[in-house]
Amino acid sequence: MLLAIDVGNTQTVIGLYGDGDSSHELVDHWRVATRHDRTCDEHALLVQQLLSAAGHDWQGDVHGISISSGVPDVTMELRRMCERYLDIDPVVLGAGVKTGMPVLYDNPKEVGADRIANAVGAYDLYGGPTIVVDFGTATTFDVISAAGEYMGGAIVPGIEISMDALFGRAAALRRVELVEPRSVIGKTTVESIQSGVIYGYSSMIDGMCDRIEEVIGEPTVIATGGLADLISPVSDSIERVEPWLTLHGLRLIWEKNAG
């Protein structure tokens, strides 16, 4: 079985893919907090517990690991975990790893590994031109051409970062549950914050997608990431929600590099 691990600055998503005829099937998945100080032994214990709870023998069942990570310390410890506990050489998305997708960035090494995995997964599912909107620590836009090239994109402070800044700087405002309010015109402070976050971010998404469409033509717009389900229902531009898009891209990249 293949273990796909996407390490973000806030959360880490782990997916387990099957063997044989079910190798394209996501058998199970987990979302855990990213701890920058977690050691290789702690990573091993965590992964073992997650897989054991789902009825899997991690040392007997896992034969491959594919990793995208934006946190170098975690990347290093995951490599050590693979070496010490599994005797597996993981595919860590970065320089020298085959993706099958030309990267048109001025410096391709600057592109985050998760963004490349998203682009590879999106092009496999929907072709191009395509826009991937990833709602993570940052909200990112990744643009794939009709020819399957990674063209670039845009990066915006994420929803949770923006809210942290708001509550940290405005003493009179408090944290609220992120749900859609009764109206775009808030009648309470809570509803006003909810309206600003949900409708404001959806309008930003739609405006950015409109601007990108002027450059690449009519695209398929895909949302992924932990908060995709929050914004997608009120966005006019988002057509598809793929919560495990990064894992799908990691599986495809692993297949290009394994063996």
C-alpha atoms as a PDB file:
ATOM      1  CA  MET A   1       0.000   0.000   0.000  1.00  0.00           C
ATOM      2  CA  LEU A   2       1.077   3.595  -0.591  1.00  0.00           C
ATOM      3  CA  LEU A   3       1.183   6.215   2.157  1.00  0.00           C
ATOM      4  CA  ALA A   4       0.815   9.782   0.843  1.00  0.00           C
ATOM      5  CA  ILE A   5       1.717  12.561   3.289  1.00  0.00           C
ATOM      6  CA  ASP A   6       1.079  16.265   2.690  1.00  0.00           C
ATOM      7  CA  VAL A   7       2.729  18.414   5.371  1.00  0.00           C
ATOM      8  CA  GLY A   8       1.324  21.918   5.638  1.00  0.00           C
ATOM      9  CA  ASN A   9       2.316  24.637   8.078  1.00  0.00           C
ATOM     10  CA  THR A  10      -0.854  24.117  10.113  1.00  0.00           C
ATOM     11  CA  GLN A  11      -2.118  20.631   9.320  1.00  0.00           C
ATOM     12  CA  THR A  12      -0.761  17.392   7.887  1.00  0.00           C
ATOM     13  CA  VAL A  13      -2.970  15.197   5.708  1.00  0.00           C
ATOM     14  CA  ILE A  14      -2.176  11.487   5.445  1.00  0.00           C
ATOM     15  CA  GLY A  15      -3.756   9.166   2.897  1.00  0.00           C
ATOM     16  CA  LEU A  16      -3.494   5.417   2.382  1.00  0.00           C
ATOM     17  CA  TYR A  17      -3.914   3.956  -1.107  1.00  0.00           C
ATOM     18  CA  GLY A  18      -4.674   0.301  -1.814  1.00  0.00           C
ATOM     19  CA  ASP A  19      -2.793  -2.401  -3.696  1.00  0.00           C
ATOM     20  CA  GLY A  20      -3.341  -4.053  -7.071  1.00  0.00           C
ATOM     21  CA  ASP A  21      -6.678  -3.232  -8.655  1.00  0.00           C
ATOM     22  CA  SER A  22      -7.435  -0.789  -5.812  1.00  0.00           C
ATOM     23  CA  SER A  23      -4.123   1.088  -6.100  1.00  0.00           C
ATOM     24  CA  HIS A  24      -6.001   4.185  -7.309  1.00  0.00           C
ATOM     25  CA  GLU A  25      -8.452   4.008  -4.409  1.00  0.00           C
ATOM     26  CA  LEU A  26      -7.979   6.147  -1.305  1.00  0.00           C
ATOM     27  CA  VAL A  27      -8.604   3.505   1.347  1.00  0.00           C
ATOM     28  CA  ASP A  28      -8.328   5.798   4.357  1.00  0.00           C
ATOM     29  CA  HIS A  29      -7.253   9.311   5.306  1.00  0.00           C
ATOM     30  CA  TRP A  30      -6.418  11.373   8.375  1.00  0.00           C
ATOM     31  CA  ARG A  31      -5.853  15.040   9.187  1.00  0.00           C
ATOM     32  CA  VAL A  32      -3.566  15.902  12.129  1.00  0.00           C
ATOM     33  CA  ALA A  33      -1.938  19.053  13.482  1.00  0.00           C
ATOM     34  CA  THR A  34       1.541  19.779  12.141  1.00  0.00           C
ATOM     35  CA  ARG A  35       4.121  19.787  14.915  1.00  0.00           C
ATOM     36  CA  HIS A  36       7.436  21.244  13.795  1.00  0.00           C
ATOM     37  CA  ASP A  37       9.267  19.678  16.761  1.00  0.00           C
ATOM     38  CA  ARG A  38       7.942  16.121  16.350  1.00  0.00           C
ATOM     39  CA  THR A  39      10.795  13.591  16.125  1.00  0.00           C
ATOM     40  CA  CYS A  40      11.045  10.655  13.730  1.00  0.00           C
ATOM     41  CA  ASP A  41      10.082   8.298  16.573  1.00  0.00           C
ATOM     42  CA  GLU A  42       7.003  10.371  17.373  1.00  0.00           C
ATOM     43  CA  HIS A  43       6.033  10.413  13.689  1.00  0.00           C
ATOM     44  CA  ALA A  44       6.410   6.632  13.608  1.00  0.00           C
ATOM     45  CA  LEU A  45       4.221   6.189  16.684  1.00  0.00           C
ATOM     46  CA  LEU A  46       1.554   8.507  15.275  1.00  0.00           C
ATOM     47  CA  VAL A  47       1.418   6.810  11.864  1.00  0.00           C
ATOM     48  CA  GLN A  48       1.437   3.363  13.455  1.00  0.00           C
ATOM     49  CA  GLN A  49      -1.484   4.245  15.729  1.00  0.00           C
ATOM     50  CA  LEU A  50      -3.531   5.756  12.904  1.00  0.00           C
ATOM     51  CA  LEU A  51      -3.060   2.750  10.623  1.00  0.00           C
ATOM     52  CA  SER A  52      -3.536   0.209  13.428  1.00  0.00           C
ATOM     53  CA  ALA A  53      -6.833   1.828  14.433  1.00  0.00           C
ATOM     54  CA  ALA A  54      -8.008   1.330  10.834  1.00  0.00           C
ATOM     55  CA  GLY A  55      -6.900  -2.324  10.816  1.00  0.00           C
ATOM     56  CA  HIS A  56      -3.640  -1.959   8.890  1.00  0.00           C
ATOM     57  CA  ASP A  57      -0.144  -3.236   9.706  1.00  0.00           C
ATOM     58  CA  TRP A  58       2.008  -0.268   8.789  1.00  0.00           C
ATOM     59  CA  GLN A  59       5.275  -2.191   8.556  1.00  0.00           C
ATOM     60  CA  GLY A  60       3.716  -5.100   6.692  1.00  0.00           C
ATOM     61  CA  ASP A  61       1.262  -3.276   4.430  1.00  0.00           C
ATOM     62  CA  VAL A  62       3.064  -0.053   3.444  1.00  0.00           C
ATOM     63  CA  HIS A  63       5.499  -0.494   0.543  1.00  0.00           C
ATOM     64  CA  GLY A  64       5.822   3.116  -0.636  1.00  0.00           C
ATOM     65  CA  ILE A  65       5.661   6.648   0.751  1.00  0.00           C
ATOM     66  CA  SER A  66       5.162   9.895  -1.164  1.00  0.00           C
ATOM     67  CA  ILE A  67       5.678  13.206   0.641  1.00  0.00           C
ATOM     68  CA  SER A  68       5.071  16.868  -0.076  1.00  0.00           C
ATOM     69  CA  SER A  69       6.184  19.240   2.656  1.00  0.00           C
ATOM     70  CA  GLY A  70       6.613  22.930   3.197  1.00  0.00           C
ATOM     71  CA  VAL A  71       8.243  22.395   6.611  1.00  0.00           C
ATOM     72  CA  PRO A  72      11.914  21.357   6.256  1.00  0.00           C
ATOM     73  CA  ASP A  73      12.269  20.100   9.855  1.00  0.00           C
ATOM     74  CA  VAL A  74       9.288  17.777   9.407  1.00  0.00           C
ATOM     75  CA  THR A  75      10.587  16.599   6.029  1.00  0.00           C
ATOM     76  CA  MET A  76      13.884  15.572   7.603  1.00  0.00           C
ATOM     77  CA  GLU A  77      12.205  13.654  10.433  1.00  0.00           C
ATOM     78  CA  LEU A  78       9.840  11.867   8.042  1.00  0.00           C
ATOM     79  CA  ARG A  79      12.838  10.743   5.979  1.00  0.00           C
ATOM     80  CA  ARG A  80      14.413   9.385   9.149  1.00  0.00           C
ATOM     81  CA  MET A  81      11.190   7.605  10.055  1.00  0.00           C
ATOM     82  CA  CYS A  82      11.098   5.880   6.658  1.00  0.00           C
ATOM     83  CA  GLU A  83      14.715   4.804   6.983  1.00  0.00           C
ATOM     84  CA  ARG A  84      14.574   3.612  10.591  1.00  0.00           C
ATOM     85  CA  TYR A  85      11.192   1.905  10.746  1.00  0.00           C
ATOM     86  CA  LEU A  86      10.206   0.957   7.205  1.00  0.00           C
ATOM     87  CA  ASP A  87      13.434   0.629   5.199  1.00  0.00           C
ATOM     88  CA  ILE A  88      11.740   2.653   2.465  1.00  0.00           C
ATOM     89  CA  ASP A  89      13.257   5.388   0.334  1.00  0.00           C
ATOM     90  CA  PRO A  90      10.362   7.874   0.104  1.00  0.00           C
ATOM     91  CA  VAL A  91       9.542   9.997  -2.919  1.00  0.00           C
ATOM     92  CA  VAL A  92       9.838  13.541  -1.530  1.00  0.00           C
ATOM     93  CA  LEU A  93       8.482  16.025  -4.026  1.00  0.00           C
ATOM     94  CA  GLY A  94      11.185  18.511  -4.938  1.00  0.00           C
ATOM     95  CA  ALA A  95      14.112  19.066  -7.286  1.00  0.00           C
ATOM     96  CA  GLY A  96      14.938  15.994  -9.364  1.00  0.00           C
ATOM     97  CA  VAL A  97      11.568  14.307  -8.889  1.00  0.00           C
ATOM     98  CA  LYS A  98       9.673  13.532 -12.088  1.00  0.00           C
ATOM     99  CA  THR A  99       6.192  15.068 -12.194  1.00  0.00           C
ATOM    100  CA  GLY A 100       5.356  14.935 -15.908  1.00  0.00           C
ATOM    101  CA  MET A 101       4.419  18.637 -15.774  1.00  0.00           C
ATOM    102  CA  PRO A 102       6.601  21.488 -17.102  1.00  0.00           C
ATOM    103  CA  VAL A 103       6.883  24.322 -14.555  1.00  0.00           C
ATOM    104  CA  LEU A 104       6.911  27.790 -16.137  1.00  0.00           C
ATOM    105  CA  TYR A 105       7.905  29.662 -12.968  1.00  0.00           C
ATOM    106  CA  ASP A 106      11.002  31.856 -13.371  1.00  0.00           C
ATOM    107  CA  ASN A 107      12.611  29.668 -10.707  1.00  0.00           C
ATOM    108  CA  PRO A 108      10.768  26.320 -10.543  1.00  0.00           C
ATOM    109  CA  LYS A 109      12.439  25.491  -7.200  1.00  0.00           C
ATOM    110  CA  GLU A 110      10.395  28.273  -5.570  1.00  0.00           C
ATOM    111  CA  VAL A 111       7.073  26.533  -6.167  1.00  0.00           C
ATOM    112  CA  GLY A 112       5.709  24.759  -3.091  1.00  0.00           C
ATOM    113  CA  ALA A 113       5.580  20.979  -3.346  1.00  0.00           C
ATOM    114  CA  ASP A 114       1.886  20.876  -2.469  1.00  0.00           C
ATOM    115  CA  ARG A 115       1.114  23.301  -5.305  1.00  0.00           C
ATOM    116  CA  ILE A 116       2.807  21.021  -7.830  1.00  0.00           C
ATOM    117  CA  ALA A 117       0.984  17.992  -6.420  1.00  0.00           C
ATOM    118  CA  ASN A 118      -2.311  19.888  -6.707  1.00  0.00           C
ATOM    119  CA  ALA A 119      -1.573  20.826 -10.307  1.00  0.00           C
ATOM    120  CA  VAL A 120      -0.638  17.266 -11.292  1.00  0.00           C
ATOM    121  CA  GLY A 121      -3.756  15.878  -9.644  1.00  0.00           C
ATOM    122  CA  ALA A 122      -6.048  18.517 -11.160  1.00  0.00           C
ATOM    123  CA  TYR A 123      -4.738  18.036 -14.694  1.00  0.00           C
ATOM    124  CA  ASP A 124      -5.165  14.274 -14.378  1.00  0.00           C
ATOM    125  CA  LEU A 125      -8.788  14.675 -13.295  1.00  0.00           C
ATOM    126  CA  TYR A 126      -9.977  17.613 -15.405  1.00  0.00           C
ATOM    127  CA  GLY A 127      -7.348  18.489 -18.004  1.00  0.00           C
ATOM    128  CA  GLY A 128      -6.718  22.153 -18.687  1.00  0.00           C
ATOM    129  CA  PRO A 129      -6.948  25.037 -18.519  1.00  0.00           C
ATOM    130  CA  THR A 130      -7.573  24.652 -14.808  1.00  0.00           C
ATOM    131  CA  ILE A 131      -7.388  26.779 -11.666  1.00  0.00           C
ATOM    132  CA  VAL A 132      -6.826  25.127  -8.298  1.00  0.00           C
ATOM    133  CA  VAL A 133      -7.813  27.154  -5.242  1.00  0.00           C
ATOM    134  CA  ASP A 134      -6.266  25.659  -2.109  1.00  0.00           C
ATOM    135  CA  PHE A 135      -7.661  26.888   1.205  1.00  0.00           C
ATOM    136  CA  GLY A 136      -4.772  26.209   3.563  1.00  0.00           C
ATOM    137  CA  THR A 137      -2.594  28.334   5.828  1.00  0.00           C
ATOM    138  CA  ALA A 138      -2.370  30.537   2.740  1.00  0.00           C
ATOM    139  CA  THR A 139      -5.036  30.623   0.041  1.00  0.00           C
ATOM    140  CA  THR A 140      -3.233  29.751  -3.179  1.00  0.00           C
ATOM    141  CA  PHE A 141      -4.248  29.862  -6.830  1.00  0.00           C
ATOM    142  CA  ASP A 142      -2.457  27.451  -9.173  1.00  0.00           C
ATOM    143  CA  VAL A 143      -2.960  27.763 -12.914  1.00  0.00           C
ATOM    144  CA  ILE A 144      -2.534  24.873 -15.361  1.00  0.00           C
ATOM    145  CA  SER A 145      -2.575  25.497 -19.105  1.00  0.00           C
ATOM    146  CA  ALA A 146      -4.493  23.526 -21.711  1.00  0.00           C
ATOM    147  CA  ALA A 147      -1.182  21.864 -22.602  1.00  0.00           C
ATOM    148  CA  GLY A 148      -0.634  20.662 -19.042  1.00  0.00           C
ATOM    149  CA  GLU A 149       1.941  23.250 -17.977  1.00  0.00           C
ATOM    150  CA  TYR A 150       2.153  24.764 -14.514  1.00  0.00           C
ATOM    151  CA  MET A 151       1.896  28.458 -15.374  1.00  0.00           C
ATOM    152  CA  GLY A 152       2.129  30.024 -11.914  1.00  0.00           C
ATOM    153  CA  GLY A 153      -0.498  31.512  -9.675  1.00  0.00           C
ATOM    154  CA  ALA A 154      -1.172  33.763  -6.706  1.00  0.00           C
ATOM    155  CA  ILE A 155      -0.834  33.598  -2.923  1.00  0.00           C
ATOM    156  CA  VAL A 156      -3.161  35.321  -0.442  1.00  0.00           C
ATOM    157  CA  PRO A 157      -3.120  35.207   3.382  1.00  0.00           C
ATOM    158  CA  GLY A 158      -5.391  32.356   4.439  1.00  0.00           C
ATOM    159  CA  ILE A 159      -8.706  32.732   6.215  1.00  0.00           C
ATOM    160  CA  GLU A 160      -7.407  31.613   9.603  1.00  0.00           C
ATOM    161  CA  ILE A 161      -4.310  33.843   9.376  1.00  0.00           C
ATOM    162  CA  SER A 162      -6.502  36.826   8.540  1.00  0.00           C
ATOM    163  CA  MET A 163      -8.833  36.104  11.442  1.00  0.00           C
ATOM    164  CA  ASP A 164      -5.909  35.701  13.845  1.00  0.00           C
ATOM    165  CA  ALA A 165      -4.650  39.126  12.775  1.00  0.00           C
ATOM    166  CA  LEU A 166      -8.108  40.660  13.172  1.00  0.00           C
ATOM    167  CA  PHE A 167      -8.706  39.324  16.659  1.00  0.00           C
ATOM    168  CA  GLY A 168      -5.135  40.036  17.720  1.00  0.00           C
ATOM    169  CA  ARG A 169      -5.320  43.690  16.662  1.00  0.00           C
ATOM    170  CA  ALA A 170      -8.963  44.493  17.521  1.00  0.00           C
ATOM    171  CA  ALA A 171      -9.539  44.081  21.265  1.00  0.00           C
ATOM    172  CA  ALA A 172     -13.310  44.497  21.013  1.00  0.00           C
ATOM    173  CA  LEU A 173     -13.727  41.607  18.564  1.00  0.00           C
ATOM    174  CA  ARG A 174     -13.833  37.948  19.568  1.00  0.00           C
ATOM    175  CA  ARG A 175     -13.516  34.674  17.714  1.00  0.00           C
ATOM    176  CA  VAL A 176     -16.655  33.377  16.030  1.00  0.00           C
ATOM    177  CA  GLU A 177     -17.819  30.133  14.486  1.00  0.00           C
ATOM    178  CA  LEU A 178     -17.314  30.187  10.730  1.00  0.00           C
ATOM    179  CA  VAL A 179     -20.791  29.495   9.364  1.00  0.00           C
ATOM    180  CA  GLU A 180     -22.810  31.325   6.728  1.00  0.00           C
ATOM    181  CA  PRO A 181     -24.803  34.177   8.341  1.00  0.00           C
ATOM    182  CA  ARG A 182     -28.474  34.920   7.766  1.00  0.00           C
ATOM    183  CA  SER A 183     -27.654  37.784   5.414  1.00  0.00           C
ATOM    184  CA  VAL A 184     -24.705  39.520   3.812  1.00  0.00           C
ATOM    185  CA  ILE A 185     -25.744  42.488   5.987  1.00  0.00           C
ATOM    186  CA  GLY A 186     -24.832  41.379   9.494  1.00  0.00           C
ATOM    187  CA  LYS A 187     -27.201  42.390  12.298  1.00  0.00           C
ATOM    188  CA  THR A 188     -24.736  41.498  15.057  1.00  0.00           C
ATOM    189  CA  THR A 189     -20.965  41.718  15.399  1.00  0.00           C
ATOM    190  CA  VAL A 190     -20.741  37.938  15.051  1.00  0.00           C
ATOM    191  CA  GLU A 191     -22.782  37.958  11.840  1.00  0.00           C
ATOM    192  CA  SER A 192     -20.801  40.906  10.495  1.00  0.00           C
ATOM    193  CA  ILE A 193     -17.535  39.004  10.944  1.00  0.00           C
ATOM    194  CA  GLN A 194     -19.045  35.874   9.397  1.00  0.00           C
ATOM    195  CA  SER A 195     -20.306  37.884   6.428  1.00  0.00           C
ATOM    196  CA  GLY A 196     -16.969  39.588   5.902  1.00  0.00           C
ATOM    197  CA  VAL A 197     -15.025  36.353   6.036  1.00  0.00           C
ATOM    198  CA  ILE A 198     -17.314  34.095   4.024  1.00  0.00           C
ATOM    199  CA  TYR A 199     -18.753  36.488   1.442  1.00  0.00           C
ATOM    200  CA  GLY A 200     -15.621  38.625   1.329  1.00  0.00           C
ATOM    201  CA  TYR A 201     -13.340  35.669   0.626  1.00  0.00           C
ATOM    202  CA  SER A 202     -15.754  34.171  -1.907  1.00  0.00           C
ATOM    203  CA  SER A 203     -15.851  37.510  -3.758  1.00  0.00           C
ATOM    204  CA  MET A 204     -12.057  37.615  -3.742  1.00  0.00           C
ATOM    205  CA  ILE A 205     -11.951  34.078  -5.151  1.00  0.00           C
ATOM    206  CA  ASP A 206     -14.430  34.945  -7.900  1.00  0.00           C
ATOM    207  CA  GLY A 207     -12.606  38.170  -8.770  1.00  0.00           C
ATOM    208  CA  MET A 208      -9.217  36.454  -9.003  1.00  0.00           C
ATOM    209  CA  CYS A 209     -10.627  33.633 -11.127  1.00  0.00           C
ATOM    210  CA  ASP A 210     -12.219  36.179 -13.477  1.00  0.00           C
ATOM    211  CA  ARG A 211      -8.869  37.923 -13.913  1.00  0.00           C
ATOM    212  CA  ILE A 212      -7.045  34.655 -14.541  1.00  0.00           C
ATOM    213  CA  GLU A 213      -9.716  33.590 -17.044  1.00  0.00           C
ATOM    214  CA  GLU A 214      -8.980  36.730 -19.067  1.00  0.00           C
ATOM    215  CA  VAL A 215      -5.459  35.352 -19.570  1.00  0.00           C
ATOM    216  CA  ILE A 216      -5.991  31.599 -20.078  1.00  0.00           C
ATOM    217  CA  GLY A 217      -9.553  31.300 -21.362  1.00  0.00           C
ATOM    218  CA  GLU A 218     -12.428  29.535 -19.654  1.00  0.00           C
ATOM    219  CA  PRO A 219     -11.015  27.156 -17.009  1.00  0.00           C
ATOM    220  CA  THR A 220     -12.303  24.471 -14.691  1.00  0.00           C
ATOM    221  CA  VAL A 221     -12.043  25.846 -11.148  1.00  0.00           C
ATOM    222  CA  ILE A 222     -11.319  23.300  -8.416  1.00  0.00           C
ATOM    223  CA  ALA A 223     -11.252  23.925  -4.668  1.00  0.00           C
ATOM    224  CA  THR A 224      -9.293  21.895  -2.156  1.00  0.00           C
ATOM    225  CA  GLY A 225      -7.952  22.315   1.381  1.00  0.00           C
ATOM    226  CA  GLY A 226      -9.457  22.293   4.831  1.00  0.00           C
ATOM    227  CA  LEU A 227     -11.803  25.262   4.335  1.00  0.00           C
ATOM    228  CA  ALA A 228     -12.914  24.513   0.774  1.00  0.00           C
ATOM    229  CA  ASP A 229     -16.344  23.332   1.942  1.00  0.00           C
ATOM    230  CA  LEU A 230     -16.878  26.654   3.727  1.00  0.00           C
ATOM    231  CA  ILE A 231     -16.343  28.956   0.739  1.00  0.00           C
ATOM    232  CA  SER A 232     -17.315  26.776  -2.236  1.00  0.00           C
ATOM    233  CA  PRO A 233     -21.108  26.891  -1.702  1.00  0.00           C
ATOM    234  CA  VAL A 234     -21.170  30.701  -1.910  1.00  0.00           C
ATOM    235  CA  SER A 235     -18.618  31.089  -4.708  1.00  0.00           C
ATOM    236  CA  ASP A 236     -19.827  31.576  -8.277  1.00  0.00           C
ATOM    237  CA  SER A 237     -16.588  30.377  -9.876  1.00  0.00           C
ATOM    238  CA  ILE A 238     -15.771  27.139  -8.017  1.00  0.00           C
ATOM    239  CA  GLU A 239     -17.127  24.161  -9.953  1.00  0.00           C
ATOM    240  CA  ARG A 240     -15.559  21.170  -8.205  1.00  0.00           C
ATOM    241  CA  VAL A 241     -14.428  20.379  -4.672  1.00  0.00           C
ATOM    242  CA  GLU A 242     -11.654  17.784  -4.383  1.00  0.00           C
ATOM    243  CA  PRO A 243     -10.686  17.486  -0.695  1.00  0.00           C
ATOM    244  CA  TRP A 244      -7.929  14.942  -1.362  1.00  0.00           C
ATOM    245  CA  LEU A 245      -6.490  16.522  -4.509  1.00  0.00           C
ATOM    246  CA  THR A 246      -2.960  16.849  -3.091  1.00  0.00           C
ATOM    247  CA  LEU A 247      -2.923  13.171  -2.102  1.00  0.00           C
ATOM    248  CA  HIS A 248      -4.099  12.232  -5.604  1.00  0.00           C
ATOM    249  CA  GLY A 249      -1.224  14.220  -7.114  1.00  0.00           C
ATOM    250  CA  LEU A 250       1.254  12.617  -4.710  1.00  0.00           C
ATOM    251  CA  ARG A 251       0.095   9.157  -5.772  1.00  0.00           C
ATOM    252  CA  LEU A 252       0.560  10.005  -9.448  1.00  0.00           C
ATOM    253  CA  ILE A 253       4.028  11.431  -8.796  1.00  0.00           C
ATOM    254  CA  TRP A 254       5.019   8.376  -6.780  1.00  0.00           C
ATOM    255  CA  GLU A 255       3.989   6.135  -9.697  1.00  0.00           C
ATOM    256  CA  LYS A 256       6.253   8.137 -12.025  1.00  0.00           C
ATOM    257  CA  ASN A 257       9.244   7.750  -9.716  1.00  0.00           C
ATOM    258  CA  ALA A 258       8.853   4.418  -7.884  1.00  0.00           C
ATOM    259  CA  GLY A 259      11.169   1.611  -8.875  1.00  0.00           C
END
